[in-house]
Amino acid sequence: MKITPTIRKKVHSLQQRKGKVYHLSHNDLDGLSPIALSLEAFPNVEYKAVGNHEVDKEVIVLLEKMQEDDLLILTDISPSAKVAETIEVAVIAKLDVLMFDHHLSAIELNNYDWAEVAVMANQRFACGTSLYADFLMKIGVLSHLSMQSLEQFVENVRSWDTWDWKREGNVEPQRLNNLFYLIGFSAYLELVRHMIKQKRFVFTKEFELLLKIEEKRIYHYLRERNRYAQEIKVDGKHVAVVICEQYHSEVGHFIAETRDYLDYVVLINLTKGTLSFRSKDDKLPVVDIAKRFGGGGHPHAAGCAITDENIQQYVKPALNTLNLIA
């Protein structure tokens, strides 16, 4: 995204409390982390973290609330093509919107000046947090923070979200994600804002103890979900299906690695009404499957809302293997 004089003027105005920042982001680690940066960069921020299937509705609500002095920021999420056109109309009508996303399924939104979608940046896989942090650092609104701590934090989020931590054997990004799930959204935002002001991004002894306890619990959870995963055939592909309410990436990769003959794994989150798809790096791109159901994501990690069609394709066959339905 080209940082124009207009963007710089808008940022300066927002720092002087002339307008509000509405920040809409994804509800995972890479979605909440940019919100922490916004809270440090701007004095008047209203934020919300949502699932991918909620993005369009929330964008429309925020566009209707915005005044000319406000700014809408989208990170780690992308609107549908239809709502993107609505945003463009609003931008032409003098509303300001910026979007930072890294999902391949959103790449066509680069046709709009207000959107930056990049799968790769600085010769590495990008994430919503890294793209947004680069933008904020270029316009100089994070200069009050420790650059060493900030860079450590952003790299941990990027490495976690792109799964580079697994390929590189670095457990710190995984531990940050574990802590995010353990303490919840609000506490996570407070923790991050505190830690990026310190010289180094390190956990306290109290958090280290919490993490050790949580890591043991997660290991047992992964083994349990793997035990209950039901295998079915879908379009000639070998698929494992399991109900999973948390740690979707870890569960998906654990099952895929444990049962390396699988083509992909489907994780059902009944609480959020979503399906997550995971495959190993040498398997088929599950983002193509998620797109069929109105979802999106990455080649080997994608998701969508539960629909009648994917219930028929995945949920009912999995239940049949347990003899739970006729």
C-alpha atoms as a PDB file:
ATOM      1  CA  MET A   1       0.000   0.000   0.000  1.00  0.00           C
ATOM      2  CA  LYS A   2       1.398   3.368  -1.007  1.00  0.00           C
ATOM      3  CA  ILE A   3       1.537   5.755   1.940  1.00  0.00           C
ATOM      4  CA  THR A   4       0.234   8.942   0.378  1.00  0.00           C
ATOM      5  CA  PRO A   5       0.222  12.466   1.866  1.00  0.00           C
ATOM      6  CA  THR A   6      -3.534  11.983   2.345  1.00  0.00           C
ATOM      7  CA  ILE A   7      -2.961   8.912   4.524  1.00  0.00           C
ATOM      8  CA  ARG A   8      -0.312  10.728   6.578  1.00  0.00           C
ATOM      9  CA  LYS A   9      -2.650  13.674   7.077  1.00  0.00           C
ATOM     10  CA  LYS A  10      -5.448  11.351   8.224  1.00  0.00           C
ATOM     11  CA  VAL A  11      -3.142   9.598  10.716  1.00  0.00           C
ATOM     12  CA  HIS A  12      -1.948  12.917  12.148  1.00  0.00           C
ATOM     13  CA  SER A  13      -5.559  14.052  12.505  1.00  0.00           C
ATOM     14  CA  LEU A  14      -6.496  10.851  14.354  1.00  0.00           C
ATOM     15  CA  GLN A  15      -3.557  11.264  16.730  1.00  0.00           C
ATOM     16  CA  GLN A  16      -4.943  14.672  17.597  1.00  0.00           C
ATOM     17  CA  ARG A  17      -8.247  12.971  18.506  1.00  0.00           C
ATOM     18  CA  LYS A  18      -9.963  14.444  15.460  1.00  0.00           C
ATOM     19  CA  GLY A  19     -11.963  11.384  14.582  1.00  0.00           C
ATOM     20  CA  LYS A  20     -12.273   7.765  15.669  1.00  0.00           C
ATOM     21  CA  VAL A  21     -10.544   4.588  14.509  1.00  0.00           C
ATOM     22  CA  TYR A  22     -12.917   1.668  13.990  1.00  0.00           C
ATOM     23  CA  HIS A  23     -10.810  -1.480  13.922  1.00  0.00           C
ATOM     24  CA  LEU A  24     -12.437  -4.721  12.728  1.00  0.00           C
ATOM     25  CA  SER A  25     -10.291  -7.827  12.805  1.00  0.00           C
ATOM     26  CA  HIS A  26     -10.278 -11.616  12.984  1.00  0.00           C
ATOM     27  CA  ASN A  27     -10.849 -13.343  16.331  1.00  0.00           C
ATOM     28  CA  ASP A  28      -7.599 -15.329  16.477  1.00  0.00           C
ATOM     29  CA  LEU A  29      -4.022 -14.459  17.486  1.00  0.00           C
ATOM     30  CA  ASP A  30      -3.258 -12.714  14.193  1.00  0.00           C
ATOM     31  CA  GLY A  31      -6.518 -10.783  14.439  1.00  0.00           C
ATOM     32  CA  LEU A  32      -6.234  -9.527  18.024  1.00  0.00           C
ATOM     33  CA  SER A  33      -2.565  -8.560  17.740  1.00  0.00           C
ATOM     34  CA  PRO A  34      -3.136  -5.697  15.239  1.00  0.00           C
ATOM     35  CA  ILE A  35      -5.803  -4.319  17.579  1.00  0.00           C
ATOM     36  CA  ALA A  36      -3.173  -4.060  20.332  1.00  0.00           C
ATOM     37  CA  LEU A  37      -1.055  -2.005  17.913  1.00  0.00           C
ATOM     38  CA  SER A  38      -3.985   0.276  17.079  1.00  0.00           C
ATOM     39  CA  LEU A  39      -4.589   0.902  20.771  1.00  0.00           C
ATOM     40  CA  GLU A  40      -0.959   2.015  21.066  1.00  0.00           C
ATOM     41  CA  ALA A  41      -0.991   4.090  17.872  1.00  0.00           C
ATOM     42  CA  PHE A  42      -4.273   5.994  18.247  1.00  0.00           C
ATOM     43  CA  PRO A  43      -6.063   7.603  21.228  1.00  0.00           C
ATOM     44  CA  ASN A  44      -9.646   6.927  20.136  1.00  0.00           C
ATOM     45  CA  VAL A  45     -10.171   3.325  19.041  1.00  0.00           C
ATOM     46  CA  GLU A  46     -13.303   1.193  18.918  1.00  0.00           C
ATOM     47  CA  TYR A  47     -12.543  -2.425  18.053  1.00  0.00           C
ATOM     48  CA  LYS A  48     -14.282  -5.709  17.409  1.00  0.00           C
ATOM     49  CA  ALA A  49     -12.948  -9.198  16.641  1.00  0.00           C
ATOM     50  CA  VAL A  50     -15.165 -11.433  14.515  1.00  0.00           C
ATOM     51  CA  GLY A  51     -15.300 -14.711  12.643  1.00  0.00           C
ATOM     52  CA  ASN A  52     -14.878 -14.670   8.875  1.00  0.00           C
ATOM     53  CA  HIS A  53     -18.587 -15.253   8.267  1.00  0.00           C
ATOM     54  CA  GLU A  54     -19.428 -12.070  10.220  1.00  0.00           C
ATOM     55  CA  VAL A  55     -17.180  -9.681   8.289  1.00  0.00           C
ATOM     56  CA  ASP A  56     -19.629  -8.413   5.673  1.00  0.00           C
ATOM     57  CA  LYS A  57     -22.362  -7.619   8.189  1.00  0.00           C
ATOM     58  CA  GLU A  58     -19.994  -5.790  10.541  1.00  0.00           C
ATOM     59  CA  VAL A  59     -18.391  -3.773   7.750  1.00  0.00           C
ATOM     60  CA  ILE A  60     -21.805  -2.489   6.644  1.00  0.00           C
ATOM     61  CA  VAL A  61     -22.691  -1.539  10.233  1.00  0.00           C
ATOM     62  CA  LEU A  62     -19.431   0.388  10.668  1.00  0.00           C
ATOM     63  CA  LEU A  63     -19.685   2.192   7.344  1.00  0.00           C
ATOM     64  CA  GLU A  64     -23.099   3.463   8.422  1.00  0.00           C
ATOM     65  CA  LYS A  65     -21.669   4.712  11.744  1.00  0.00           C
ATOM     66  CA  MET A  66     -18.617   6.465  10.291  1.00  0.00           C
ATOM     67  CA  GLN A  67     -18.182  10.207  10.031  1.00  0.00           C
ATOM     68  CA  GLU A  68     -15.859  11.942   7.583  1.00  0.00           C
ATOM     69  CA  ASP A  69     -13.088  12.298  10.210  1.00  0.00           C
ATOM     70  CA  ASP A  70     -13.102   8.586  11.089  1.00  0.00           C
ATOM     71  CA  LEU A  71     -11.010   5.696   9.784  1.00  0.00           C
ATOM     72  CA  LEU A  72     -12.049   2.054   9.344  1.00  0.00           C
ATOM     73  CA  ILE A  73      -9.195  -0.466   9.592  1.00  0.00           C
ATOM     74  CA  LEU A  74      -9.621  -4.122   8.596  1.00  0.00           C
ATOM     75  CA  THR A  75      -6.896  -6.629   9.499  1.00  0.00           C
ATOM     76  CA  ASP A  76      -6.566 -10.364   8.860  1.00  0.00           C
ATOM     77  CA  ILE A  77     -10.043 -10.410   7.289  1.00  0.00           C
ATOM     78  CA  SER A  78     -11.532  -9.473   3.949  1.00  0.00           C
ATOM     79  CA  PRO A  79     -15.037  -8.589   2.755  1.00  0.00           C
ATOM     80  CA  SER A  80     -16.851 -10.319  -0.075  1.00  0.00           C
ATOM     81  CA  ALA A  81     -16.606  -8.875  -3.588  1.00  0.00           C
ATOM     82  CA  LYS A  82     -20.046  -7.312  -3.158  1.00  0.00           C
ATOM     83  CA  VAL A  83     -19.183  -5.567   0.115  1.00  0.00           C
ATOM     84  CA  ALA A  84     -15.799  -4.519  -1.282  1.00  0.00           C
ATOM     85  CA  GLU A  85     -17.747  -2.590  -3.919  1.00  0.00           C
ATOM     86  CA  THR A  86     -19.787  -0.993  -1.133  1.00  0.00           C
ATOM     87  CA  ILE A  87     -16.548   0.060   0.582  1.00  0.00           C
ATOM     88  CA  GLU A  88     -15.275   1.547  -2.669  1.00  0.00           C
ATOM     89  CA  VAL A  89     -18.438   3.627  -3.015  1.00  0.00           C
ATOM     90  CA  ALA A  90     -17.985   4.847   0.580  1.00  0.00           C
ATOM     91  CA  VAL A  91     -14.339   5.716  -0.093  1.00  0.00           C
ATOM     92  CA  ILE A  92     -15.288   7.688  -3.187  1.00  0.00           C
ATOM     93  CA  ALA A  93     -17.806   9.490  -0.991  1.00  0.00           C
ATOM     94  CA  LYS A  94     -14.903  10.577   1.272  1.00  0.00           C
ATOM     95  CA  LEU A  95     -14.873   7.866   3.948  1.00  0.00           C
ATOM     96  CA  ASP A  96     -11.430   6.417   4.771  1.00  0.00           C
ATOM     97  CA  VAL A  97     -10.803   2.666   4.873  1.00  0.00           C
ATOM     98  CA  LEU A  98      -7.564   0.651   5.078  1.00  0.00           C
ATOM     99  CA  MET A  99      -7.332  -3.138   4.846  1.00  0.00           C
ATOM    100  CA  PHE A 100      -4.360  -5.437   5.537  1.00  0.00           C
ATOM    101  CA  ASP A 101      -4.756  -9.134   4.778  1.00  0.00           C
ATOM    102  CA  HIS A 102      -2.554 -12.034   3.737  1.00  0.00           C
ATOM    103  CA  HIS A 103      -5.034 -14.662   2.564  1.00  0.00           C
ATOM    104  CA  LEU A 104      -4.644 -15.847  -1.009  1.00  0.00           C
ATOM    105  CA  SER A 105      -8.428 -15.951  -1.348  1.00  0.00           C
ATOM    106  CA  ALA A 106      -8.505 -12.139  -0.961  1.00  0.00           C
ATOM    107  CA  ILE A 107      -5.767 -11.307  -3.466  1.00  0.00           C
ATOM    108  CA  GLU A 108      -8.158  -9.703  -5.990  1.00  0.00           C
ATOM    109  CA  LEU A 109      -8.947  -6.943  -3.487  1.00  0.00           C
ATOM    110  CA  ASN A 110      -5.558  -5.452  -4.358  1.00  0.00           C
ATOM    111  CA  ASN A 111      -7.449  -3.816  -7.214  1.00  0.00           C
ATOM    112  CA  TYR A 112      -8.640  -1.275  -4.645  1.00  0.00           C
ATOM    113  CA  ASP A 113      -6.309   1.477  -3.425  1.00  0.00           C
ATOM    114  CA  TRP A 114      -7.485   1.003   0.171  1.00  0.00           C
ATOM    115  CA  ALA A 115      -6.499  -2.689   0.326  1.00  0.00           C
ATOM    116  CA  GLU A 116      -3.144  -4.389   0.802  1.00  0.00           C
ATOM    117  CA  VAL A 117      -3.227  -8.160   0.385  1.00  0.00           C
ATOM    118  CA  ALA A 118       0.178  -9.859   0.430  1.00  0.00           C
ATOM    119  CA  VAL A 119       0.902 -13.540   0.973  1.00  0.00           C
ATOM    120  CA  MET A 120       4.632 -12.758   1.031  1.00  0.00           C
ATOM    121  CA  ALA A 121       6.499  -9.691   2.335  1.00  0.00           C
ATOM    122  CA  ASN A 122      10.213  -9.162   2.928  1.00  0.00           C
ATOM    123  CA  GLN A 123      10.861 -12.611   1.393  1.00  0.00           C
ATOM    124  CA  ARG A 124       8.796 -14.379   4.061  1.00  0.00           C
ATOM    125  CA  PHE A 125       5.188 -15.413   4.505  1.00  0.00           C
ATOM    126  CA  ALA A 126       3.218 -12.437   5.786  1.00  0.00           C
ATOM    127  CA  CYS A 127       0.332 -12.196   8.239  1.00  0.00           C
ATOM    128  CA  GLY A 128      -2.178  -9.492   9.105  1.00  0.00           C
ATOM    129  CA  THR A 129      -0.117  -8.342  12.091  1.00  0.00           C
ATOM    130  CA  SER A 130       3.156  -8.054  10.168  1.00  0.00           C
ATOM    131  CA  LEU A 131       1.572  -6.104   7.299  1.00  0.00           C
ATOM    132  CA  TYR A 132      -0.184  -3.704   9.661  1.00  0.00           C
ATOM    133  CA  ALA A 133       2.888  -3.273  11.888  1.00  0.00           C
ATOM    134  CA  ASP A 134       5.007  -2.409   8.827  1.00  0.00           C
ATOM    135  CA  PHE A 135       2.468   0.256   7.880  1.00  0.00           C
ATOM    136  CA  LEU A 136       2.349   1.777  11.381  1.00  0.00           C
ATOM    137  CA  MET A 137       6.133   1.814  11.692  1.00  0.00           C
ATOM    138  CA  LYS A 138       6.520   3.512   8.296  1.00  0.00           C
ATOM    139  CA  ILE A 139       4.204   6.331   9.327  1.00  0.00           C
ATOM    140  CA  GLY A 140       5.999   6.647  12.675  1.00  0.00           C
ATOM    141  CA  VAL A 141       3.162   6.123  15.173  1.00  0.00           C
ATOM    142  CA  LEU A 142       4.881   3.356  17.170  1.00  0.00           C
ATOM    143  CA  SER A 143       8.154   5.166  17.877  1.00  0.00           C
ATOM    144  CA  HIS A 144       7.374   5.289  21.611  1.00  0.00           C
ATOM    145  CA  LEU A 145       7.670   1.499  21.856  1.00  0.00           C
ATOM    146  CA  SER A 146      10.741  -0.713  22.220  1.00  0.00           C
ATOM    147  CA  MET A 147      11.589  -1.658  18.626  1.00  0.00           C
ATOM    148  CA  GLN A 148      13.324  -4.844  19.752  1.00  0.00           C
ATOM    149  CA  SER A 149      10.312  -5.998  21.755  1.00  0.00           C
ATOM    150  CA  LEU A 150       7.873  -4.919  19.027  1.00  0.00           C
ATOM    151  CA  GLU A 151       9.794  -6.806  16.351  1.00  0.00           C
ATOM    152  CA  GLN A 152       9.990  -9.923  18.546  1.00  0.00           C
ATOM    153  CA  PHE A 153       6.259  -9.777  19.141  1.00  0.00           C
ATOM    154  CA  VAL A 154       5.340  -9.284  15.474  1.00  0.00           C
ATOM    155  CA  GLU A 155       7.708 -12.058  14.388  1.00  0.00           C
ATOM    156  CA  ASN A 156       6.184 -14.474  16.914  1.00  0.00           C
ATOM    157  CA  VAL A 157       2.685 -13.766  15.591  1.00  0.00           C
ATOM    158  CA  ARG A 158       3.841 -14.014  11.964  1.00  0.00           C
ATOM    159  CA  SER A 159       5.724 -17.251  12.565  1.00  0.00           C
ATOM    160  CA  TRP A 160       2.743 -18.767  14.374  1.00  0.00           C
ATOM    161  CA  ASP A 161       0.132 -17.795  11.827  1.00  0.00           C
ATOM    162  CA  THR A 162       2.179 -18.930   8.825  1.00  0.00           C
ATOM    163  CA  TRP A 163       3.319 -22.111  10.590  1.00  0.00           C
ATOM    164  CA  ASP A 164       6.973 -21.125  10.083  1.00  0.00           C
ATOM    165  CA  TRP A 165       7.521 -21.879  13.791  1.00  0.00           C
ATOM    166  CA  LYS A 166       6.906 -25.567  13.092  1.00  0.00           C
ATOM    167  CA  ARG A 167       9.195 -25.679  10.086  1.00  0.00           C
ATOM    168  CA  GLU A 168      11.929 -23.812  11.981  1.00  0.00           C
ATOM    169  CA  GLY A 169      11.520 -25.621  15.309  1.00  0.00           C
ATOM    170  CA  ASN A 170      10.781 -22.423  17.274  1.00  0.00           C
ATOM    171  CA  VAL A 171       8.248 -22.984  20.084  1.00  0.00           C
ATOM    172  CA  GLU A 172       7.913 -19.358  21.276  1.00  0.00           C
ATOM    173  CA  PRO A 173       5.184 -18.459  18.735  1.00  0.00           C
ATOM    174  CA  GLN A 174       3.193 -21.515  19.806  1.00  0.00           C
ATOM    175  CA  ARG A 175       3.529 -20.507  23.446  1.00  0.00           C
ATOM    176  CA  LEU A 176       2.252 -17.006  22.666  1.00  0.00           C
ATOM    177  CA  ASN A 177      -0.812 -18.517  20.998  1.00  0.00           C
ATOM    178  CA  ASN A 178      -1.353 -20.839  23.966  1.00  0.00           C
ATOM    179  CA  LEU A 179      -1.271 -17.864  26.307  1.00  0.00           C
ATOM    180  CA  PHE A 180      -3.726 -15.979  24.078  1.00  0.00           C
ATOM    181  CA  TYR A 181      -6.273 -18.786  24.419  1.00  0.00           C
ATOM    182  CA  LEU A 182      -5.543 -19.210  28.111  1.00  0.00           C
ATOM    183  CA  ILE A 183      -6.076 -15.620  29.285  1.00  0.00           C
ATOM    184  CA  GLY A 184      -8.674 -14.373  26.773  1.00  0.00           C
ATOM    185  CA  PHE A 185      -9.017 -11.346  24.495  1.00  0.00           C
ATOM    186  CA  SER A 186      -8.978  -8.447  26.959  1.00  0.00           C
ATOM    187  CA  ALA A 187      -6.140  -9.743  29.116  1.00  0.00           C
ATOM    188  CA  TYR A 188      -4.130 -10.573  25.988  1.00  0.00           C
ATOM    189  CA  LEU A 189      -4.451  -7.008  24.685  1.00  0.00           C
ATOM    190  CA  GLU A 190      -3.319  -5.604  28.039  1.00  0.00           C
ATOM    191  CA  LEU A 191      -0.403  -8.040  28.214  1.00  0.00           C
ATOM    192  CA  VAL A 192       0.833  -7.244  24.709  1.00  0.00           C
ATOM    193  CA  ARG A 193       0.611  -3.485  25.239  1.00  0.00           C
ATOM    194  CA  HIS A 194       2.681  -3.865  28.400  1.00  0.00           C
ATOM    195  CA  MET A 195       5.281  -6.197  26.884  1.00  0.00           C
ATOM    196  CA  ILE A 196       5.989  -4.199  23.720  1.00  0.00           C
ATOM    197  CA  LYS A 197       7.078  -1.331  25.952  1.00  0.00           C
ATOM    198  CA  GLN A 198       9.706  -3.513  27.647  1.00  0.00           C
ATOM    199  CA  LYS A 199      13.248  -3.989  26.348  1.00  0.00           C
ATOM    200  CA  ARG A 200      12.568  -7.593  25.402  1.00  0.00           C
ATOM    201  CA  PHE A 201       9.376  -9.547  24.723  1.00  0.00           C
ATOM    202  CA  VAL A 202       9.559 -12.221  27.430  1.00  0.00           C
ATOM    203  CA  PHE A 203       6.992 -13.832  29.727  1.00  0.00           C
ATOM    204  CA  THR A 204       6.995 -13.391  33.499  1.00  0.00           C
ATOM    205  CA  LYS A 205       7.568 -16.359  35.813  1.00  0.00           C
ATOM    206  CA  GLU A 206       3.834 -16.461  36.553  1.00  0.00           C
ATOM    207  CA  PHE A 207       2.964 -16.777  32.866  1.00  0.00           C
ATOM    208  CA  GLU A 208       5.711 -19.356  32.377  1.00  0.00           C
ATOM    209  CA  LEU A 209       4.077 -21.513  35.064  1.00  0.00           C
ATOM    210  CA  LEU A 210       0.648 -21.102  33.465  1.00  0.00           C
ATOM    211  CA  LEU A 211       2.068 -22.093  30.085  1.00  0.00           C
ATOM    212  CA  LYS A 212       3.691 -25.255  31.407  1.00  0.00           C
ATOM    213  CA  ILE A 213       0.366 -26.361  32.879  1.00  0.00           C
ATOM    214  CA  GLU A 214      -1.496 -25.449  29.691  1.00  0.00           C
ATOM    215  CA  GLU A 215       0.995 -27.246  27.443  1.00  0.00           C
ATOM    216  CA  LYS A 216       0.324 -30.512  29.275  1.00  0.00           C
ATOM    217  CA  ARG A 217      -3.426 -29.986  28.917  1.00  0.00           C
ATOM    218  CA  ILE A 218      -3.107 -29.224  25.203  1.00  0.00           C
ATOM    219  CA  TYR A 219      -1.123 -32.402  24.587  1.00  0.00           C
ATOM    220  CA  HIS A 220      -3.878 -34.473  26.203  1.00  0.00           C
ATOM    221  CA  TYR A 221      -6.504 -32.555  24.195  1.00  0.00           C
ATOM    222  CA  LEU A 222      -4.703 -33.285  20.914  1.00  0.00           C
ATOM    223  CA  ARG A 223      -4.542 -37.000  21.687  1.00  0.00           C
ATOM    224  CA  GLU A 224      -8.210 -37.050  22.691  1.00  0.00           C
ATOM    225  CA  ARG A 225      -9.383 -35.256  19.514  1.00  0.00           C
ATOM    226  CA  ASN A 226      -7.270 -37.608  17.411  1.00  0.00           C
ATOM    227  CA  ARG A 227      -8.879 -40.598  19.104  1.00  0.00           C
ATOM    228  CA  TYR A 228     -12.379 -39.333  18.340  1.00  0.00           C
ATOM    229  CA  ALA A 229     -11.701 -38.252  14.737  1.00  0.00           C
ATOM    230  CA  GLN A 230     -13.867 -40.243  12.300  1.00  0.00           C
ATOM    231  CA  GLU A 231     -12.560 -41.136   8.844  1.00  0.00           C
ATOM    232  CA  ILE A 232     -14.768 -40.834   5.772  1.00  0.00           C
ATOM    233  CA  LYS A 233     -14.379 -40.658   2.003  1.00  0.00           C
ATOM    234  CA  VAL A 234     -15.385 -37.409   0.237  1.00  0.00           C
ATOM    235  CA  ASP A 235     -15.029 -37.138  -3.554  1.00  0.00           C
ATOM    236  CA  GLY A 236     -12.482 -39.929  -3.460  1.00  0.00           C
ATOM    237  CA  LYS A 237     -10.391 -38.212  -0.766  1.00  0.00           C
ATOM    238  CA  HIS A 238      -9.547 -39.687   2.610  1.00  0.00           C
ATOM    239  CA  VAL A 239     -10.809 -37.242   5.268  1.00  0.00           C
ATOM    240  CA  ALA A 240     -10.844 -37.182   9.083  1.00  0.00           C
ATOM    241  CA  VAL A 241     -13.707 -35.268  10.753  1.00  0.00           C
ATOM    242  CA  VAL A 242     -13.772 -34.256  14.428  1.00  0.00           C
ATOM    243  CA  ILE A 243     -15.578 -31.815  16.708  1.00  0.00           C
ATOM    244  CA  CYS A 244     -13.024 -29.282  17.933  1.00  0.00           C
ATOM    245  CA  GLU A 245     -13.805 -26.147  19.932  1.00  0.00           C
ATOM    246  CA  GLN A 246     -10.249 -24.826  20.384  1.00  0.00           C
ATOM    247  CA  TYR A 247      -6.666 -25.135  19.159  1.00  0.00           C
ATOM    248  CA  HIS A 248      -7.834 -25.896  15.627  1.00  0.00           C
ATOM    249  CA  SER A 249      -4.447 -25.559  13.960  1.00  0.00           C
ATOM    250  CA  GLU A 250      -2.703 -27.774  16.503  1.00  0.00           C
ATOM    251  CA  VAL A 251      -5.434 -30.425  16.379  1.00  0.00           C
ATOM    252  CA  GLY A 252      -5.575 -30.382  12.579  1.00  0.00           C
ATOM    253  CA  HIS A 253      -1.819 -30.724  12.183  1.00  0.00           C
ATOM    254  CA  PHE A 254      -1.577 -33.359  14.923  1.00  0.00           C
ATOM    255  CA  ILE A 255      -4.194 -35.550  13.224  1.00  0.00           C
ATOM    256  CA  ALA A 256      -2.664 -34.961   9.774  1.00  0.00           C
ATOM    257  CA  GLU A 257       0.793 -35.925  11.022  1.00  0.00           C
ATOM    258  CA  THR A 258      -0.417 -38.887  13.054  1.00  0.00           C
ATOM    259  CA  ARG A 259      -2.452 -40.249  10.134  1.00  0.00           C
ATOM    260  CA  ASP A 260      -0.201 -39.259   7.246  1.00  0.00           C
ATOM    261  CA  TYR A 261      -2.346 -41.146   4.713  1.00  0.00           C
ATOM    262  CA  LEU A 262      -5.137 -38.545   5.083  1.00  0.00           C
ATOM    263  CA  ASP A 263      -5.763 -35.987   2.359  1.00  0.00           C
ATOM    264  CA  TYR A 264      -7.153 -33.426   4.816  1.00  0.00           C
ATOM    265  CA  VAL A 265      -8.825 -32.892   8.199  1.00  0.00           C
ATOM    266  CA  VAL A 266     -12.153 -31.186   8.950  1.00  0.00           C
ATOM    267  CA  LEU A 267     -12.688 -29.619  12.385  1.00  0.00           C
ATOM    268  CA  ILE A 268     -16.246 -28.774  13.447  1.00  0.00           C
ATOM    269  CA  ASN A 269     -16.756 -25.877  15.854  1.00  0.00           C
ATOM    270  CA  LEU A 270     -20.395 -26.087  16.924  1.00  0.00           C
ATOM    271  CA  THR A 271     -20.145 -23.061  19.215  1.00  0.00           C
ATOM    272  CA  LYS A 272     -19.089 -20.735  16.403  1.00  0.00           C
ATOM    273  CA  GLY A 273     -20.888 -22.620  13.633  1.00  0.00           C
ATOM    274  CA  THR A 274     -17.761 -23.081  11.528  1.00  0.00           C
ATOM    275  CA  LEU A 275     -15.730 -25.729   9.741  1.00  0.00           C
ATOM    276  CA  SER A 276     -11.939 -25.550   9.592  1.00  0.00           C
ATOM    277  CA  PHE A 277      -9.927 -27.441   6.992  1.00  0.00           C
ATOM    278  CA  ARG A 278      -6.297 -28.500   7.439  1.00  0.00           C
ATOM    279  CA  SER A 279      -3.893 -30.422   5.217  1.00  0.00           C
ATOM    280  CA  LYS A 280      -0.175 -31.091   5.270  1.00  0.00           C
ATOM    281  CA  ASP A 281       2.093 -29.043   3.045  1.00  0.00           C
ATOM    282  CA  ASP A 282       2.365 -31.776   0.425  1.00  0.00           C
ATOM    283  CA  LYS A 283      -1.382 -32.418   0.254  1.00  0.00           C
ATOM    284  CA  LEU A 284      -4.221 -30.742  -1.642  1.00  0.00           C
ATOM    285  CA  PRO A 285      -5.075 -27.009  -1.172  1.00  0.00           C
ATOM    286  CA  VAL A 286      -8.041 -26.962   1.203  1.00  0.00           C
ATOM    287  CA  VAL A 287      -8.739 -23.292   0.463  1.00  0.00           C
ATOM    288  CA  ASP A 288     -10.413 -24.491  -2.741  1.00  0.00           C
ATOM    289  CA  ILE A 289     -12.784 -26.626  -0.658  1.00  0.00           C
ATOM    290  CA  ALA A 290     -13.565 -23.764   1.739  1.00  0.00           C
ATOM    291  CA  LYS A 291     -14.335 -21.465  -1.210  1.00  0.00           C
ATOM    292  CA  ARG A 292     -17.051 -23.862  -2.400  1.00  0.00           C
ATOM    293  CA  PHE A 293     -18.887 -23.144   0.852  1.00  0.00           C
ATOM    294  CA  GLY A 294     -18.334 -19.378   0.817  1.00  0.00           C
ATOM    295  CA  GLY A 295     -15.172 -19.436   2.918  1.00  0.00           C
ATOM    296  CA  GLY A 296     -11.499 -18.835   2.289  1.00  0.00           C
ATOM    297  CA  GLY A 297      -8.039 -18.950   3.786  1.00  0.00           C
ATOM    298  CA  HIS A 298      -4.659 -20.412   2.888  1.00  0.00           C
ATOM    299  CA  PRO A 299      -3.746 -23.422   0.727  1.00  0.00           C
ATOM    300  CA  HIS A 300      -3.373 -25.702   3.752  1.00  0.00           C
ATOM    301  CA  ALA A 301      -5.494 -23.908   6.377  1.00  0.00           C
ATOM    302  CA  ALA A 302      -8.955 -22.598   5.537  1.00  0.00           C
ATOM    303  CA  GLY A 303     -12.470 -22.303   6.935  1.00  0.00           C
ATOM    304  CA  CYS A 304     -16.119 -21.543   6.309  1.00  0.00           C
ATOM    305  CA  ALA A 305     -19.481 -21.344   8.065  1.00  0.00           C
ATOM    306  CA  ILE A 306     -21.491 -24.521   8.599  1.00  0.00           C
ATOM    307  CA  THR A 307     -24.089 -24.879   5.851  1.00  0.00           C
ATOM    308  CA  ASP A 308     -26.688 -27.477   4.882  1.00  0.00           C
ATOM    309  CA  GLU A 309     -24.402 -28.571   2.066  1.00  0.00           C
ATOM    310  CA  ASN A 310     -21.296 -29.217   4.154  1.00  0.00           C
ATOM    311  CA  ILE A 311     -23.376 -30.869   6.891  1.00  0.00           C
ATOM    312  CA  GLN A 312     -24.461 -33.397   4.264  1.00  0.00           C
ATOM    313  CA  GLN A 313     -20.914 -33.787   2.974  1.00  0.00           C
ATOM    314  CA  TYR A 314     -18.973 -34.052   6.251  1.00  0.00           C
ATOM    315  CA  VAL A 315     -21.038 -34.049   9.431  1.00  0.00           C
ATOM    316  CA  LYS A 316     -23.653 -36.686   8.656  1.00  0.00           C
ATOM    317  CA  PRO A 317     -21.173 -39.180   7.141  1.00  0.00           C
ATOM    318  CA  ALA A 318     -18.947 -38.793  10.204  1.00  0.00           C
ATOM    319  CA  LEU A 319     -21.911 -39.427  12.512  1.00  0.00           C
ATOM    320  CA  ASN A 320     -22.826 -42.456  10.425  1.00  0.00           C
ATOM    321  CA  THR A 321     -19.469 -44.024  11.229  1.00  0.00           C
ATOM    322  CA  LEU A 322     -20.516 -43.889  14.894  1.00  0.00           C
ATOM    323  CA  ASN A 323     -23.963 -45.327  14.118  1.00  0.00           C
ATOM    324  CA  LEU A 324     -25.542 -42.230  15.699  1.00  0.00           C
ATOM    325  CA  ILE A 325     -27.995 -41.487  12.860  1.00  0.00           C
ATOM    326  CA  ALA A 326     -29.984 -43.603  10.476  1.00  0.00           C
END
